[in-house]
Amino acid sequence: MFVVAEALTNVAKHAPTAARITVCAGEHDGDLVVQVVDDGPGGADVEAGSGLRGLEDRVAAADGHLVLVSPAGGGTTVRARLPLAPAA
């Protein structure tokens, strides 16, 4: 899935000191929920115009929602929620 590939690419590019990366995916209330968590330096920002902006746009185009949590010094979590059924 593109979300995982892009999130892992961002870790390799922007958080090469990350020692741990966790990827989880599953169904929740009819949606696919994908989460990538790293223990790198944090500080990622969708508003900075990085690849995260493109990722957010792609998820939104699929009627999904992207959440980024990345406090400075606290690692980064990218979570995407995408509907499994087409919108009515």
Protein backbone atom coordinates (compact mmCIF):
# COMPACT_ATOMS: atom_id res chain seq x y z
CA MET A 1 0.00 0.00 0.00
CA PHE A 2 1.20 3.46 -0.90
CA VAL A 3 0.73 4.84 2.62
CA VAL A 4 3.18 2.33 4.09
CA ALA A 5 5.71 2.75 1.29
CA GLU A 6 5.66 6.55 1.57
CA ALA A 7 5.83 6.53 5.37
CA LEU A 8 8.79 4.13 5.32
CA THR A 9 10.51 6.25 2.67
CA ASN A 10 10.07 9.29 4.91
CA VAL A 11 11.62 7.43 7.84
CA ALA A 12 14.64 6.43 5.75
CA LYS A 13 15.02 9.97 4.39
CA HIS A 14 14.25 12.11 7.44
CA ALA A 15 14.78 9.84 10.45
CA PRO A 16 17.79 7.64 9.66
CA THR A 17 18.56 7.40 13.38
CA ALA A 18 15.27 5.60 14.07
CA ALA A 19 16.01 2.27 15.73
CA ARG A 20 12.48 0.87 15.56
CA ILE A 21 9.68 1.05 13.02
CA THR A 22 6.32 -0.62 13.54
CA VAL A 23 3.77 -1.16 10.76
CA CYS A 24 0.23 -2.22 11.63
CA ALA A 25 -2.86 -2.65 9.47
CA GLY A 26 -6.34 -3.90 10.18
CA GLU A 27 -10.04 -3.38 9.80
CA HIS A 28 -11.94 -1.16 12.21
CA ASP A 29 -15.62 -0.25 11.81
CA GLY A 30 -15.59 -0.90 8.07
CA ASP A 31 -12.37 1.02 7.41
CA LEU A 32 -8.82 -0.07 6.72
CA VAL A 33 -6.55 1.50 9.33
CA VAL A 34 -2.83 1.58 8.57
CA GLN A 35 -0.27 2.91 11.01
CA VAL A 36 3.48 3.41 10.76
CA VAL A 37 5.34 4.41 13.93
CA ASP A 38 9.03 5.21 14.29
CA ASP A 39 11.19 6.27 17.21
CA GLY A 40 13.19 8.84 15.25
CA PRO A 41 13.64 12.52 16.09
CA GLY A 42 10.06 13.55 15.26
CA GLY A 43 9.20 17.03 14.10
CA ALA A 44 7.50 16.00 10.86
CA ASP A 45 4.95 18.53 9.61
CA VAL A 46 2.40 18.15 6.81
CA GLU A 47 2.35 21.93 6.43
CA ALA A 48 6.06 21.96 5.56
CA GLY A 49 5.15 20.91 2.00
CA SER A 50 6.95 17.59 2.17
CA GLY A 51 5.91 14.22 0.81
CA LEU A 52 3.50 14.06 3.72
CA ARG A 53 1.33 16.66 1.98
CA GLY A 54 1.11 14.41 -1.08
CA LEU A 55 0.32 11.44 1.13
CA GLU A 56 -2.45 13.39 2.85
CA ASP A 57 -3.87 14.38 -0.55
CA ARG A 58 -3.84 10.78 -1.83
CA VAL A 59 -5.57 9.47 1.28
CA ALA A 60 -8.20 12.23 1.02
CA ALA A 61 -8.78 11.37 -2.66
CA ALA A 62 -9.78 7.87 -1.51
CA ASP A 63 -12.27 9.39 1.00
CA GLY A 64 -9.83 8.65 3.80
CA HIS A 65 -8.24 10.60 6.61
CA LEU A 66 -4.57 10.94 7.56
CA VAL A 67 -3.35 11.75 11.06
CA LEU A 68 0.24 12.72 11.76
CA VAL A 69 1.62 12.89 15.30
CA SER A 70 5.26 13.92 15.43
CA PRO A 71 6.40 15.90 18.45
CA ALA A 72 10.00 17.09 18.31
CA GLY A 73 12.15 14.44 19.97
CA GLY A 74 9.24 12.02 20.25
CA GLY A 75 9.12 9.91 17.08
CA THR A 76 6.47 9.98 14.38
CA THR A 77 3.14 8.23 13.91
CA VAL A 78 1.41 8.24 10.52
CA ARG A 79 -2.11 6.80 10.64
CA ALA A 80 -4.38 6.49 7.63
CA ARG A 81 -8.04 5.47 7.77
CA LEU A 82 -9.57 4.45 4.44
CA PRO A 83 -13.08 3.17 3.75
CA LEU A 84 -13.22 -0.46 2.65
CA ALA A 85 -16.53 0.06 0.82
CA PRO A 86 -17.05 2.72 -1.85
CA ALA A 87 -18.86 5.87 -0.74
CA ALA A 88 -22.57 5.85 -1.51
